[in-house]
Amino acid sequence: MLTKDEVAINLRKFANDNFKSLAELGRRLEMRPQNLQIYFEGRSYPGGQVLGRLSELGCDIDWLMTGEVRREKYIPMDELQRVGLEQGKMYKAVDNIPATIKELGEVPAGDESLYYNEKRYLFLNIDDEISKPMDSLINKGDKVLVDLEADAQDKDIVVVKYGSGKQEIRILGIDNKNNGMVVLISNNPSIAPKCAKRKDITMYRVVAIKKR
């Protein structure tokens, strides 16, 4: 993820390209100029509510926070050799990722057979709720191949598991100056990014997407 100063530069660029003045952007965001100024000066990252409003005004939040416009952050199924997996092999399919890898053997298999590295990779069946933040890239009926062991990196697509048990697919943004916090970015402009403490969530890296 970009630094606060770099996000501020992008925010000013968005404002200058799309509004007559910074004050006009503030009015559209329903924010006082002094409150908006902390973001323009790089003193703070925009929070989830501000990012949601910016998204509604047409700002690409992925670009704002990471500097990149990347919609293909996954490996197609026919290129699995790039991550050392055997092409043509099948993987266990589940509807919910277990809380621990130890529980994986207790999860009933879905419609995929399992032949390869059962303790590391599995398919997650995608429903409407899980796919909403990544709408258009990942949709209901797709399957995502999840790596249960690899550490998720900045800009990876990840399956996020919250303490409540809810699961979503998001793009991960890491604040290098604050290792305790992450930003979970949405590919869907109607859904605002989330800020979360890393210790409060579990993240699994998406390796590949199998379209329905």
N, C-alpha and C. Protein backbone atom coordinates (compact mmCIF):
# COMPACT_ATOMS: atom_id res chain seq x y z
N MET A 1 0.84 -1.18 0.00
CA MET A 1 0.00 0.00 0.00
C MET A 1 0.88 1.24 0.00
N LEU A 2 0.38 2.31 -0.58
CA LEU A 2 1.14 3.56 -0.64
C LEU A 2 1.26 4.20 0.74
N THR A 3 2.25 5.08 0.88
CA THR A 3 2.37 5.85 2.11
C THR A 3 1.25 6.90 2.17
N LYS A 4 1.09 7.52 3.31
CA LYS A 4 0.07 8.56 3.47
C LYS A 4 0.32 9.72 2.52
N ASP A 5 1.61 10.08 2.36
CA ASP A 5 1.94 11.18 1.45
C ASP A 5 1.60 10.83 0.00
N GLU A 6 1.84 9.60 -0.39
CA GLU A 6 1.55 9.16 -1.76
C GLU A 6 0.05 9.10 -2.01
N VAL A 7 -0.70 8.64 -0.99
CA VAL A 7 -2.17 8.64 -1.12
C VAL A 7 -2.67 10.07 -1.25
N ALA A 8 -2.06 10.98 -0.51
CA ALA A 8 -2.45 12.40 -0.58
C ALA A 8 -2.24 12.95 -1.99
N ILE A 9 -1.13 12.58 -2.62
CA ILE A 9 -0.86 13.03 -4.00
C ILE A 9 -1.95 12.51 -4.94
N ASN A 10 -2.30 11.24 -4.80
CA ASN A 10 -3.36 10.68 -5.65
C ASN A 10 -4.70 11.35 -5.39
N LEU A 11 -4.98 11.65 -4.13
CA LEU A 11 -6.24 12.28 -3.79
C LEU A 11 -6.33 13.68 -4.39
N ARG A 12 -5.21 14.42 -4.32
CA ARG A 12 -5.21 15.75 -4.93
C ARG A 12 -5.37 15.65 -6.45
N LYS A 13 -4.76 14.65 -7.05
CA LYS A 13 -4.90 14.47 -8.50
C LYS A 13 -6.35 14.18 -8.86
N PHE A 14 -6.99 13.30 -8.09
CA PHE A 14 -8.41 12.99 -8.35
C PHE A 14 -9.25 14.25 -8.22
N ALA A 15 -8.98 15.04 -7.19
CA ALA A 15 -9.75 16.27 -6.97
C ALA A 15 -9.53 17.26 -8.11
N ASN A 16 -8.27 17.46 -8.49
CA ASN A 16 -7.96 18.44 -9.55
C ASN A 16 -8.52 18.01 -10.91
N ASP A 17 -8.56 16.71 -11.15
CA ASP A 17 -9.03 16.21 -12.45
C ASP A 17 -10.55 16.20 -12.56
N ASN A 18 -11.24 16.20 -11.43
CA ASN A 18 -12.69 15.98 -11.48
C ASN A 18 -13.54 17.08 -10.84
N PHE A 19 -12.91 18.03 -10.15
CA PHE A 19 -13.68 19.05 -9.46
C PHE A 19 -13.03 20.42 -9.66
N LYS A 20 -13.83 21.46 -9.55
CA LYS A 20 -13.32 22.82 -9.77
C LYS A 20 -12.34 23.24 -8.69
N SER A 21 -12.50 22.70 -7.50
CA SER A 21 -11.63 23.05 -6.39
C SER A 21 -11.69 21.95 -5.34
N LEU A 22 -10.74 22.00 -4.41
CA LEU A 22 -10.77 21.06 -3.30
C LEU A 22 -12.00 21.29 -2.43
N ALA A 23 -12.42 22.56 -2.36
CA ALA A 23 -13.61 22.88 -1.57
C ALA A 23 -14.84 22.20 -2.15
N GLU A 24 -14.91 22.15 -3.49
CA GLU A 24 -16.06 21.49 -4.11
C GLU A 24 -16.08 20.01 -3.76
N LEU A 25 -14.90 19.37 -3.81
CA LEU A 25 -14.84 17.96 -3.42
C LEU A 25 -15.29 17.80 -1.98
N GLY A 26 -14.87 18.72 -1.10
CA GLY A 26 -15.28 18.65 0.29
C GLY A 26 -16.79 18.72 0.44
N ARG A 27 -17.42 19.60 -0.36
CA ARG A 27 -18.89 19.70 -0.30
C ARG A 27 -19.53 18.40 -0.76
N ARG A 28 -18.99 17.82 -1.83
CA ARG A 28 -19.56 16.57 -2.34
C ARG A 28 -19.39 15.42 -1.35
N LEU A 29 -18.31 15.50 -0.57
CA LEU A 29 -18.06 14.47 0.43
C LEU A 29 -18.77 14.77 1.75
N GLU A 30 -19.41 15.96 1.81
CA GLU A 30 -20.09 16.41 3.02
C GLU A 30 -19.11 16.50 4.18
N MET A 31 -17.94 17.08 3.89
CA MET A 31 -16.89 17.21 4.89
C MET A 31 -16.45 18.67 5.00
N ARG A 32 -16.10 19.10 6.19
CA ARG A 32 -15.54 20.42 6.39
C ARG A 32 -14.13 20.47 5.81
N PRO A 33 -13.72 21.60 5.25
CA PRO A 33 -12.38 21.69 4.65
C PRO A 33 -11.26 21.29 5.60
N GLN A 34 -11.36 21.68 6.86
CA GLN A 34 -10.29 21.36 7.81
C GLN A 34 -10.20 19.85 8.06
N ASN A 35 -11.34 19.17 7.98
CA ASN A 35 -11.33 17.71 8.18
C ASN A 35 -10.75 17.00 6.96
N LEU A 36 -11.03 17.53 5.77
CA LEU A 36 -10.51 16.94 4.54
C LEU A 36 -9.02 17.20 4.38
N GLN A 37 -8.56 18.31 4.94
CA GLN A 37 -7.17 18.73 4.76
C GLN A 37 -6.17 17.73 5.30
N ILE A 38 -6.54 17.00 6.33
CA ILE A 38 -5.59 16.03 6.91
C ILE A 38 -5.24 14.94 5.91
N TYR A 39 -6.17 14.66 4.98
CA TYR A 39 -5.88 13.66 3.95
C TYR A 39 -5.06 14.26 2.82
N PHE A 40 -5.36 15.50 2.45
CA PHE A 40 -4.61 16.16 1.39
C PHE A 40 -3.16 16.43 1.82
N GLU A 41 -2.93 16.58 3.11
CA GLU A 41 -1.59 16.85 3.61
C GLU A 41 -0.84 15.59 4.00
N GLY A 42 -1.48 14.43 3.85
CA GLY A 42 -0.81 13.18 4.15
C GLY A 42 -0.63 12.89 5.62
N ARG A 43 -1.49 13.48 6.45
CA ARG A 43 -1.38 13.25 7.89
C ARG A 43 -2.15 12.02 8.35
N SER A 44 -3.03 11.52 7.49
CA SER A 44 -3.83 10.36 7.86
C SER A 44 -4.35 9.69 6.59
N TYR A 45 -4.58 8.38 6.68
CA TYR A 45 -5.25 7.68 5.60
C TYR A 45 -6.75 7.96 5.66
N PRO A 46 -7.43 8.07 4.52
CA PRO A 46 -8.89 8.19 4.55
C PRO A 46 -9.50 6.94 5.18
N GLY A 47 -10.49 7.15 6.03
CA GLY A 47 -11.17 6.02 6.65
C GLY A 47 -12.17 5.37 5.70
N GLY A 48 -12.77 4.29 6.17
CA GLY A 48 -13.69 3.52 5.33
C GLY A 48 -14.86 4.34 4.82
N GLN A 49 -15.43 5.21 5.67
CA GLN A 49 -16.58 6.01 5.25
C GLN A 49 -16.18 7.00 4.17
N VAL A 50 -15.02 7.64 4.32
CA VAL A 50 -14.55 8.59 3.31
C VAL A 50 -14.24 7.86 2.01
N LEU A 51 -13.59 6.70 2.11
CA LEU A 51 -13.27 5.93 0.91
C LEU A 51 -14.55 5.50 0.19
N GLY A 52 -15.57 5.14 0.95
CA GLY A 52 -16.84 4.77 0.33
C GLY A 52 -17.45 5.93 -0.45
N ARG A 53 -17.39 7.14 0.13
CA ARG A 53 -17.93 8.32 -0.56
C ARG A 53 -17.11 8.65 -1.80
N LEU A 54 -15.77 8.53 -1.68
CA LEU A 54 -14.91 8.78 -2.84
C LEU A 54 -15.24 7.80 -3.96
N SER A 55 -15.47 6.55 -3.59
CA SER A 55 -15.82 5.56 -4.59
C SER A 55 -17.11 5.91 -5.30
N GLU A 56 -18.09 6.41 -4.54
CA GLU A 56 -19.36 6.81 -5.14
C GLU A 56 -19.18 7.98 -6.12
N LEU A 57 -18.14 8.80 -5.89
CA LEU A 57 -17.87 9.94 -6.78
C LEU A 57 -17.00 9.54 -7.97
N GLY A 58 -16.68 8.25 -8.06
CA GLY A 58 -15.94 7.77 -9.23
C GLY A 58 -14.47 7.55 -9.02
N CYS A 59 -13.99 7.64 -7.79
CA CYS A 59 -12.58 7.42 -7.52
C CYS A 59 -12.28 5.92 -7.47
N ASP A 60 -11.25 5.49 -8.18
CA ASP A 60 -10.80 4.10 -8.13
C ASP A 60 -10.01 3.91 -6.84
N ILE A 61 -10.61 3.26 -5.86
CA ILE A 61 -9.99 3.15 -4.54
C ILE A 61 -8.73 2.28 -4.60
N ASP A 62 -8.73 1.27 -5.45
CA ASP A 62 -7.53 0.45 -5.61
C ASP A 62 -6.36 1.32 -6.06
N TRP A 63 -6.59 2.19 -7.06
CA TRP A 63 -5.55 3.10 -7.53
C TRP A 63 -5.17 4.09 -6.44
N LEU A 64 -6.16 4.64 -5.74
CA LEU A 64 -5.89 5.65 -4.71
C LEU A 64 -4.97 5.10 -3.63
N MET A 65 -5.23 3.89 -3.19
CA MET A 65 -4.51 3.34 -2.04
C MET A 65 -3.25 2.57 -2.41
N THR A 66 -3.18 2.03 -3.64
CA THR A 66 -2.03 1.22 -4.02
C THR A 66 -1.25 1.79 -5.19
N GLY A 67 -1.86 2.74 -5.93
CA GLY A 67 -1.18 3.33 -7.09
C GLY A 67 -1.31 2.52 -8.34
N GLU A 68 -2.02 1.41 -8.29
CA GLU A 68 -2.14 0.55 -9.45
C GLU A 68 -3.61 0.24 -9.74
N VAL A 69 -3.91 0.10 -11.01
CA VAL A 69 -5.23 -0.36 -11.42
C VAL A 69 -5.06 -1.80 -11.89
N ARG A 70 -5.38 -2.72 -11.02
CA ARG A 70 -5.13 -4.13 -11.32
C ARG A 70 -6.40 -4.93 -11.08
N ARG A 71 -6.97 -5.44 -12.14
CA ARG A 71 -8.21 -6.20 -12.01
C ARG A 71 -7.99 -7.70 -12.22
N GLU A 72 -6.78 -8.10 -12.63
CA GLU A 72 -6.52 -9.51 -12.90
C GLU A 72 -5.52 -10.06 -11.89
N LYS A 73 -5.80 -9.84 -10.60
CA LYS A 73 -4.88 -10.26 -9.56
C LYS A 73 -5.11 -11.71 -9.18
N TYR A 74 -4.96 -12.59 -10.14
CA TYR A 74 -5.06 -14.01 -9.87
C TYR A 74 -4.38 -14.74 -11.01
N ILE A 75 -4.15 -16.02 -10.83
CA ILE A 75 -3.55 -16.85 -11.87
C ILE A 75 -4.64 -17.69 -12.51
N PRO A 76 -4.82 -17.62 -13.83
CA PRO A 76 -5.82 -18.46 -14.49
C PRO A 76 -5.52 -19.94 -14.25
N MET A 77 -6.55 -20.75 -14.28
CA MET A 77 -6.38 -22.17 -13.98
C MET A 77 -5.41 -22.86 -14.93
N ASP A 78 -5.31 -22.38 -16.18
CA ASP A 78 -4.43 -23.06 -17.13
C ASP A 78 -2.97 -22.64 -16.98
N GLU A 79 -2.65 -21.83 -15.94
CA GLU A 79 -1.27 -21.41 -15.72
C GLU A 79 -0.80 -21.78 -14.31
N LEU A 80 -1.33 -22.85 -13.77
CA LEU A 80 -1.02 -23.21 -12.39
C LEU A 80 0.44 -23.58 -12.18
N GLN A 81 1.15 -23.93 -13.25
CA GLN A 81 2.56 -24.27 -13.09
C GLN A 81 3.35 -23.11 -12.50
N ARG A 82 2.87 -21.89 -12.69
CA ARG A 82 3.57 -20.71 -12.19
C ARG A 82 3.67 -20.72 -10.67
N VAL A 83 2.79 -21.43 -10.00
CA VAL A 83 2.88 -21.51 -8.54
C VAL A 83 3.24 -22.92 -8.09
N GLY A 84 3.73 -23.72 -9.03
CA GLY A 84 4.23 -25.04 -8.67
C GLY A 84 3.16 -26.10 -8.51
N LEU A 85 1.97 -25.87 -9.02
CA LEU A 85 0.92 -26.87 -8.93
C LEU A 85 0.81 -27.64 -10.25
N GLU A 86 0.29 -28.82 -10.17
CA GLU A 86 0.18 -29.66 -11.35
C GLU A 86 -1.10 -29.34 -12.11
N GLN A 87 -0.96 -29.00 -13.37
CA GLN A 87 -2.11 -28.70 -14.20
C GLN A 87 -2.97 -29.95 -14.38
N GLY A 88 -4.28 -29.76 -14.32
CA GLY A 88 -5.19 -30.88 -14.52
C GLY A 88 -5.58 -31.59 -13.25
N LYS A 89 -4.86 -31.34 -12.14
CA LYS A 89 -5.24 -31.96 -10.89
C LYS A 89 -6.48 -31.27 -10.32
N MET A 90 -7.20 -31.97 -9.45
CA MET A 90 -8.40 -31.43 -8.85
C MET A 90 -8.15 -31.21 -7.36
N TYR A 91 -9.00 -30.38 -6.76
CA TYR A 91 -8.80 -30.01 -5.36
C TYR A 91 -10.12 -30.09 -4.60
N LYS A 92 -10.01 -30.28 -3.32
CA LYS A 92 -11.20 -30.37 -2.48
C LYS A 92 -12.00 -29.07 -2.55
N ALA A 93 -13.31 -29.18 -2.63
CA ALA A 93 -14.17 -27.99 -2.66
C ALA A 93 -14.96 -27.90 -1.36
N VAL A 94 -14.97 -26.72 -0.76
CA VAL A 94 -15.69 -26.51 0.49
C VAL A 94 -16.52 -25.24 0.37
N ASP A 95 -17.49 -25.11 1.23
CA ASP A 95 -18.33 -23.91 1.24
C ASP A 95 -17.86 -22.88 2.27
N ASN A 96 -17.11 -23.33 3.25
CA ASN A 96 -16.53 -22.43 4.25
C ASN A 96 -15.12 -22.90 4.55
N ILE A 97 -14.20 -21.96 4.66
CA ILE A 97 -12.84 -22.31 5.03
C ILE A 97 -12.79 -22.62 6.51
N PRO A 98 -12.20 -23.73 6.89
CA PRO A 98 -12.14 -24.08 8.32
C PRO A 98 -11.38 -23.02 9.11
N ALA A 99 -11.68 -22.95 10.40
CA ALA A 99 -10.98 -21.99 11.25
C ALA A 99 -9.51 -22.35 11.38
N THR A 100 -9.20 -23.64 11.35
CA THR A 100 -7.81 -24.10 11.40
C THR A 100 -7.61 -25.17 10.35
N ILE A 101 -6.35 -25.32 9.92
CA ILE A 101 -6.03 -26.35 8.93
C ILE A 101 -6.34 -27.73 9.49
N LYS A 102 -6.21 -27.89 10.80
CA LYS A 102 -6.47 -29.18 11.44
C LYS A 102 -7.90 -29.64 11.18
N GLU A 103 -8.82 -28.69 11.05
CA GLU A 103 -10.22 -29.03 10.85
C GLU A 103 -10.54 -29.42 9.41
N LEU A 104 -9.58 -29.22 8.51
CA LEU A 104 -9.86 -29.43 7.10
C LEU A 104 -10.34 -30.84 6.80
N GLY A 105 -9.73 -31.82 7.48
CA GLY A 105 -10.13 -33.20 7.23
C GLY A 105 -11.55 -33.50 7.65
N GLU A 106 -12.13 -32.65 8.50
CA GLU A 106 -13.49 -32.88 8.98
C GLU A 106 -14.54 -32.22 8.08
N VAL A 107 -14.08 -31.39 7.12
CA VAL A 107 -15.01 -30.69 6.24
C VAL A 107 -15.42 -31.60 5.10
N PRO A 108 -16.72 -31.82 4.89
CA PRO A 108 -17.15 -32.69 3.79
C PRO A 108 -16.77 -32.10 2.44
N ALA A 109 -16.33 -32.98 1.53
CA ALA A 109 -15.94 -32.52 0.20
C ALA A 109 -17.17 -32.18 -0.63
N GLY A 110 -16.99 -31.24 -1.56
CA GLY A 110 -18.06 -30.88 -2.48
C GLY A 110 -17.95 -31.69 -3.76
N ASP A 111 -18.11 -30.99 -4.88
CA ASP A 111 -18.16 -31.71 -6.15
C ASP A 111 -16.81 -31.82 -6.84
N GLU A 112 -15.72 -31.48 -6.15
CA GLU A 112 -14.38 -31.64 -6.71
C GLU A 112 -13.68 -32.79 -5.99
N SER A 113 -12.89 -33.53 -6.73
CA SER A 113 -12.11 -34.60 -6.13
C SER A 113 -10.79 -34.03 -5.64
N LEU A 114 -10.16 -34.72 -4.72
CA LEU A 114 -8.92 -34.25 -4.14
C LEU A 114 -7.81 -35.25 -4.46
N TYR A 115 -6.74 -34.76 -5.12
CA TYR A 115 -5.61 -35.62 -5.44
C TYR A 115 -4.28 -35.03 -5.03
N TYR A 116 -4.21 -33.74 -4.70
CA TYR A 116 -2.92 -33.07 -4.59
C TYR A 116 -2.86 -32.14 -3.38
N ASN A 117 -1.90 -32.37 -2.50
CA ASN A 117 -1.58 -31.47 -1.39
C ASN A 117 -2.82 -31.02 -0.63
N GLU A 118 -3.51 -31.98 -0.08
CA GLU A 118 -4.80 -31.69 0.53
C GLU A 118 -4.72 -30.74 1.72
N LYS A 119 -3.57 -30.61 2.34
CA LYS A 119 -3.48 -29.76 3.52
C LYS A 119 -3.12 -28.32 3.18
N ARG A 120 -2.89 -28.03 1.90
CA ARG A 120 -2.50 -26.68 1.54
C ARG A 120 -3.49 -25.98 0.63
N TYR A 121 -4.06 -26.66 -0.35
CA TYR A 121 -4.90 -26.00 -1.34
C TYR A 121 -6.32 -26.57 -1.31
N LEU A 122 -7.29 -25.70 -1.47
CA LEU A 122 -8.67 -26.16 -1.63
C LEU A 122 -9.43 -25.14 -2.46
N PHE A 123 -10.54 -25.58 -3.01
CA PHE A 123 -11.45 -24.70 -3.72
C PHE A 123 -12.51 -24.19 -2.75
N LEU A 124 -12.78 -22.89 -2.81
CA LEU A 124 -13.88 -22.32 -2.06
C LEU A 124 -15.02 -22.04 -3.03
N ASN A 125 -16.16 -22.64 -2.78
CA ASN A 125 -17.34 -22.37 -3.60
C ASN A 125 -17.83 -20.96 -3.31
N ILE A 126 -18.08 -20.19 -4.35
CA ILE A 126 -18.41 -18.77 -4.18
C ILE A 126 -19.92 -18.56 -4.24
N ASP A 127 -20.44 -17.86 -3.23
CA ASP A 127 -21.85 -17.47 -3.26
C ASP A 127 -21.94 -15.95 -3.38
N ASP A 128 -23.16 -15.42 -3.42
CA ASP A 128 -23.36 -13.98 -3.62
C ASP A 128 -22.69 -13.14 -2.54
N GLU A 129 -22.82 -13.57 -1.28
CA GLU A 129 -22.31 -12.77 -0.17
C GLU A 129 -20.79 -12.66 -0.22
N ILE A 130 -20.13 -13.77 -0.47
CA ILE A 130 -18.66 -13.77 -0.51
C ILE A 130 -18.14 -12.94 -1.66
N SER A 131 -18.84 -12.99 -2.79
CA SER A 131 -18.31 -12.38 -4.02
C SER A 131 -18.61 -10.88 -4.15
N LYS A 132 -19.52 -10.33 -3.34
CA LYS A 132 -19.95 -8.94 -3.53
C LYS A 132 -18.79 -7.95 -3.64
N PRO A 133 -17.78 -8.00 -2.75
CA PRO A 133 -16.71 -6.99 -2.85
C PRO A 133 -15.87 -7.11 -4.13
N MET A 134 -15.91 -8.27 -4.80
CA MET A 134 -15.11 -8.45 -6.01
C MET A 134 -16.01 -8.68 -7.22
N ASP A 135 -17.19 -8.09 -7.18
CA ASP A 135 -18.17 -8.26 -8.25
C ASP A 135 -17.56 -7.93 -9.60
N SER A 136 -17.85 -8.73 -10.60
CA SER A 136 -17.39 -8.65 -11.98
C SER A 136 -16.10 -9.44 -12.19
N LEU A 137 -15.25 -9.53 -11.18
CA LEU A 137 -14.06 -10.36 -11.30
C LEU A 137 -14.34 -11.77 -10.80
N ILE A 138 -15.05 -11.85 -9.68
CA ILE A 138 -15.43 -13.13 -9.09
C ILE A 138 -16.92 -13.10 -8.82
N ASN A 139 -17.64 -14.11 -9.30
CA ASN A 139 -19.10 -14.10 -9.20
C ASN A 139 -19.62 -15.40 -8.62
N LYS A 140 -20.88 -15.39 -8.26
CA LYS A 140 -21.54 -16.59 -7.73
C LYS A 140 -21.38 -17.75 -8.70
N GLY A 141 -21.04 -18.90 -8.16
CA GLY A 141 -20.85 -20.08 -8.98
C GLY A 141 -19.40 -20.34 -9.36
N ASP A 142 -18.54 -19.32 -9.22
CA ASP A 142 -17.11 -19.52 -9.46
C ASP A 142 -16.51 -20.29 -8.29
N LYS A 143 -15.28 -20.75 -8.48
CA LYS A 143 -14.51 -21.33 -7.39
C LYS A 143 -13.17 -20.62 -7.36
N VAL A 144 -12.67 -20.34 -6.16
CA VAL A 144 -11.32 -19.79 -6.04
C VAL A 144 -10.43 -20.83 -5.38
N LEU A 145 -9.24 -21.01 -5.94
CA LEU A 145 -8.27 -21.92 -5.36
C LEU A 145 -7.49 -21.14 -4.30
N VAL A 146 -7.55 -21.62 -3.06
CA VAL A 146 -7.00 -20.91 -1.91
C VAL A 146 -5.77 -21.64 -1.38
N ASP A 147 -4.72 -20.87 -1.09
CA ASP A 147 -3.51 -21.40 -0.46
C ASP A 147 -3.63 -21.16 1.04
N LEU A 148 -3.69 -22.23 1.80
CA LEU A 148 -3.91 -22.13 3.24
C LEU A 148 -2.63 -21.80 4.02
N GLU A 149 -1.47 -21.87 3.36
CA GLU A 149 -0.21 -21.71 4.07
C GLU A 149 0.55 -20.43 3.73
N ALA A 150 0.42 -19.93 2.51
CA ALA A 150 1.22 -18.78 2.08
C ALA A 150 0.77 -17.51 2.79
N ASP A 151 1.72 -16.66 3.15
CA ASP A 151 1.40 -15.36 3.74
C ASP A 151 0.85 -14.44 2.65
N ALA A 152 -0.25 -13.78 2.92
CA ALA A 152 -0.83 -12.84 1.97
C ALA A 152 0.04 -11.59 1.89
N GLN A 153 0.25 -11.11 0.67
CA GLN A 153 1.09 -9.95 0.43
C GLN A 153 0.25 -8.76 -0.04
N ASP A 154 0.86 -7.59 0.02
CA ASP A 154 0.20 -6.37 -0.45
C ASP A 154 -0.29 -6.55 -1.88
N LYS A 155 -1.55 -6.17 -2.14
CA LYS A 155 -2.22 -6.22 -3.44
C LYS A 155 -2.69 -7.63 -3.84
N ASP A 156 -2.51 -8.63 -2.97
CA ASP A 156 -3.05 -9.95 -3.25
C ASP A 156 -4.57 -9.94 -3.12
N ILE A 157 -5.23 -10.77 -3.91
CA ILE A 157 -6.64 -11.07 -3.64
C ILE A 157 -6.65 -12.11 -2.52
N VAL A 158 -7.47 -11.86 -1.51
CA VAL A 158 -7.50 -12.75 -0.35
C VAL A 158 -8.94 -13.09 0.03
N VAL A 159 -9.09 -14.27 0.60
CA VAL A 159 -10.33 -14.61 1.30
C VAL A 159 -10.14 -14.18 2.74
N VAL A 160 -11.01 -13.30 3.21
CA VAL A 160 -10.92 -12.77 4.57
C VAL A 160 -11.96 -13.48 5.43
N LYS A 161 -11.52 -14.00 6.55
CA LYS A 161 -12.42 -14.64 7.50
C LYS A 161 -12.42 -13.81 8.78
N TYR A 162 -13.61 -13.26 9.11
CA TYR A 162 -13.74 -12.41 10.29
C TYR A 162 -14.06 -13.26 11.53
N GLY A 163 -13.93 -12.64 12.69
CA GLY A 163 -14.21 -13.36 13.93
C GLY A 163 -15.62 -13.89 14.01
N SER A 164 -16.55 -13.23 13.33
CA SER A 164 -17.95 -13.66 13.33
C SER A 164 -18.18 -14.90 12.49
N GLY A 165 -17.16 -15.29 11.70
CA GLY A 165 -17.31 -16.41 10.78
C GLY A 165 -17.63 -15.98 9.36
N LYS A 166 -17.99 -14.71 9.17
CA LYS A 166 -18.29 -14.20 7.83
C LYS A 166 -17.03 -14.23 6.97
N GLN A 167 -17.21 -14.53 5.68
CA GLN A 167 -16.11 -14.57 4.73
C GLN A 167 -16.39 -13.63 3.57
N GLU A 168 -15.34 -12.97 3.08
CA GLU A 168 -15.43 -12.10 1.91
C GLU A 168 -14.15 -12.25 1.10
N ILE A 169 -14.24 -11.84 -0.16
CA ILE A 169 -13.03 -11.75 -0.99
C ILE A 169 -12.73 -10.28 -1.19
N ARG A 170 -11.48 -9.90 -0.92
CA ARG A 170 -11.07 -8.50 -1.01
C ARG A 170 -9.65 -8.42 -1.60
N ILE A 171 -9.21 -7.21 -1.93
CA ILE A 171 -7.82 -6.94 -2.27
C ILE A 171 -7.14 -6.41 -1.03
N LEU A 172 -6.00 -6.98 -0.69
CA LEU A 172 -5.31 -6.62 0.54
C LEU A 172 -4.40 -5.41 0.32
N GLY A 173 -4.51 -4.44 1.19
CA GLY A 173 -3.58 -3.31 1.23
C GLY A 173 -2.90 -3.28 2.57
N ILE A 174 -1.56 -3.27 2.58
CA ILE A 174 -0.80 -3.31 3.82
C ILE A 174 -0.18 -1.95 4.10
N ASP A 175 -0.37 -1.44 5.29
CA ASP A 175 0.24 -0.19 5.73
C ASP A 175 1.61 -0.53 6.31
N ASN A 176 2.67 -0.24 5.55
CA ASN A 176 4.01 -0.62 5.97
C ASN A 176 4.48 0.12 7.21
N LYS A 177 3.84 1.24 7.54
CA LYS A 177 4.22 2.00 8.73
C LYS A 177 3.42 1.57 9.95
N ASN A 178 2.44 0.72 9.73
CA ASN A 178 1.61 0.26 10.84
C ASN A 178 1.26 -1.20 10.58
N ASN A 179 2.12 -2.09 11.01
CA ASN A 179 1.95 -3.51 10.70
C ASN A 179 0.70 -4.12 11.31
N GLY A 180 0.11 -3.40 12.23
CA GLY A 180 -1.07 -3.95 12.88
C GLY A 180 -2.36 -3.73 12.11
N MET A 181 -2.33 -2.87 11.08
CA MET A 181 -3.54 -2.52 10.35
C MET A 181 -3.42 -2.89 8.88
N VAL A 182 -4.56 -3.26 8.29
CA VAL A 182 -4.64 -3.50 6.86
C VAL A 182 -5.88 -2.80 6.32
N VAL A 183 -5.86 -2.54 5.01
CA VAL A 183 -7.03 -2.02 4.32
C VAL A 183 -7.51 -3.11 3.38
N LEU A 184 -8.78 -3.43 3.44
CA LEU A 184 -9.37 -4.46 2.60
C LEU A 184 -10.19 -3.77 1.53
N ILE A 185 -9.65 -3.76 0.31
CA ILE A 185 -10.19 -2.96 -0.78
C ILE A 185 -11.20 -3.76 -1.58
N SER A 186 -12.23 -3.08 -2.04
CA SER A 186 -13.28 -3.71 -2.84
C SER A 186 -13.09 -3.40 -4.31
N ASN A 187 -13.42 -4.36 -5.15
CA ASN A 187 -13.44 -4.17 -6.60
C ASN A 187 -14.79 -3.63 -7.05
N ASN A 188 -15.75 -3.62 -6.12
CA ASN A 188 -17.12 -3.20 -6.39
C ASN A 188 -17.28 -1.76 -5.89
N PRO A 189 -17.54 -0.79 -6.79
CA PRO A 189 -17.60 0.61 -6.36
C PRO A 189 -18.72 0.92 -5.37
N SER A 190 -19.69 0.03 -5.25
CA SER A 190 -20.78 0.28 -4.30
C SER A 190 -20.45 -0.18 -2.88
N ILE A 191 -19.30 -0.82 -2.72
CA ILE A 191 -18.91 -1.33 -1.41
C ILE A 191 -17.62 -0.65 -0.97
N ALA A 192 -17.66 -0.01 0.19
CA ALA A 192 -16.51 0.74 0.69
C ALA A 192 -15.42 -0.20 1.19
N PRO A 193 -14.17 0.22 1.11
CA PRO A 193 -13.07 -0.54 1.72
C PRO A 193 -13.26 -0.62 3.24
N LYS A 194 -12.56 -1.56 3.83
CA LYS A 194 -12.60 -1.71 5.28
C LYS A 194 -11.18 -1.60 5.83
N CYS A 195 -11.06 -1.00 6.99
CA CYS A 195 -9.81 -1.02 7.75
C CYS A 195 -9.99 -2.03 8.88
N ALA A 196 -8.96 -2.85 9.11
CA ALA A 196 -9.08 -3.88 10.13
C ALA A 196 -7.74 -4.12 10.80
N LYS A 197 -7.78 -4.57 12.04
CA LYS A 197 -6.57 -5.01 12.72
C LYS A 197 -6.24 -6.41 12.23
N ARG A 198 -5.01 -6.60 11.85
CA ARG A 198 -4.61 -7.88 11.27
C ARG A 198 -4.87 -9.04 12.23
N LYS A 199 -4.72 -8.79 13.53
CA LYS A 199 -4.91 -9.86 14.50
C LYS A 199 -6.36 -10.29 14.64
N ASP A 200 -7.29 -9.46 14.13
CA ASP A 200 -8.71 -9.76 14.28
C ASP A 200 -9.28 -10.53 13.09
N ILE A 201 -8.47 -10.76 12.05
CA ILE A 201 -8.96 -11.45 10.86
C ILE A 201 -7.97 -12.54 10.46
N THR A 202 -8.48 -13.46 9.65
CA THR A 202 -7.62 -14.48 9.04
C THR A 202 -7.71 -14.30 7.54
N MET A 203 -6.56 -14.34 6.85
CA MET A 203 -6.55 -14.12 5.41
C MET A 203 -5.88 -15.29 4.70
N TYR A 204 -6.47 -15.71 3.59
CA TYR A 204 -5.89 -16.76 2.76
C TYR A 204 -5.74 -16.24 1.34
N ARG A 205 -4.57 -16.45 0.75
CA ARG A 205 -4.28 -15.92 -0.59
C ARG A 205 -5.00 -16.73 -1.66
N VAL A 206 -5.64 -16.02 -2.58
CA VAL A 206 -6.28 -16.65 -3.73
C VAL A 206 -5.21 -16.89 -4.80
N VAL A 207 -5.04 -18.15 -5.19
CA VAL A 207 -4.05 -18.52 -6.18
C VAL A 207 -4.62 -18.45 -7.59
N ALA A 208 -5.84 -18.93 -7.74
CA ALA A 208 -6.44 -19.00 -9.08
C ALA A 208 -7.95 -18.94 -8.98
N ILE A 209 -8.57 -18.58 -10.07
CA ILE A 209 -10.03 -18.52 -10.14
C ILE A 209 -10.51 -19.47 -11.21
N LYS A 210 -11.45 -20.31 -10.86
CA LYS A 210 -12.08 -21.22 -11.83
C LYS A 210 -13.48 -20.67 -12.10
N LYS A 211 -13.68 -20.13 -13.29
CA LYS A 211 -14.97 -19.56 -13.64
C LYS A 211 -15.99 -20.68 -13.87
N ARG A 212 -17.22 -20.37 -13.54
CA ARG A 212 -18.28 -21.40 -13.67
C ARG A 212 -18.53 -21.71 -15.13
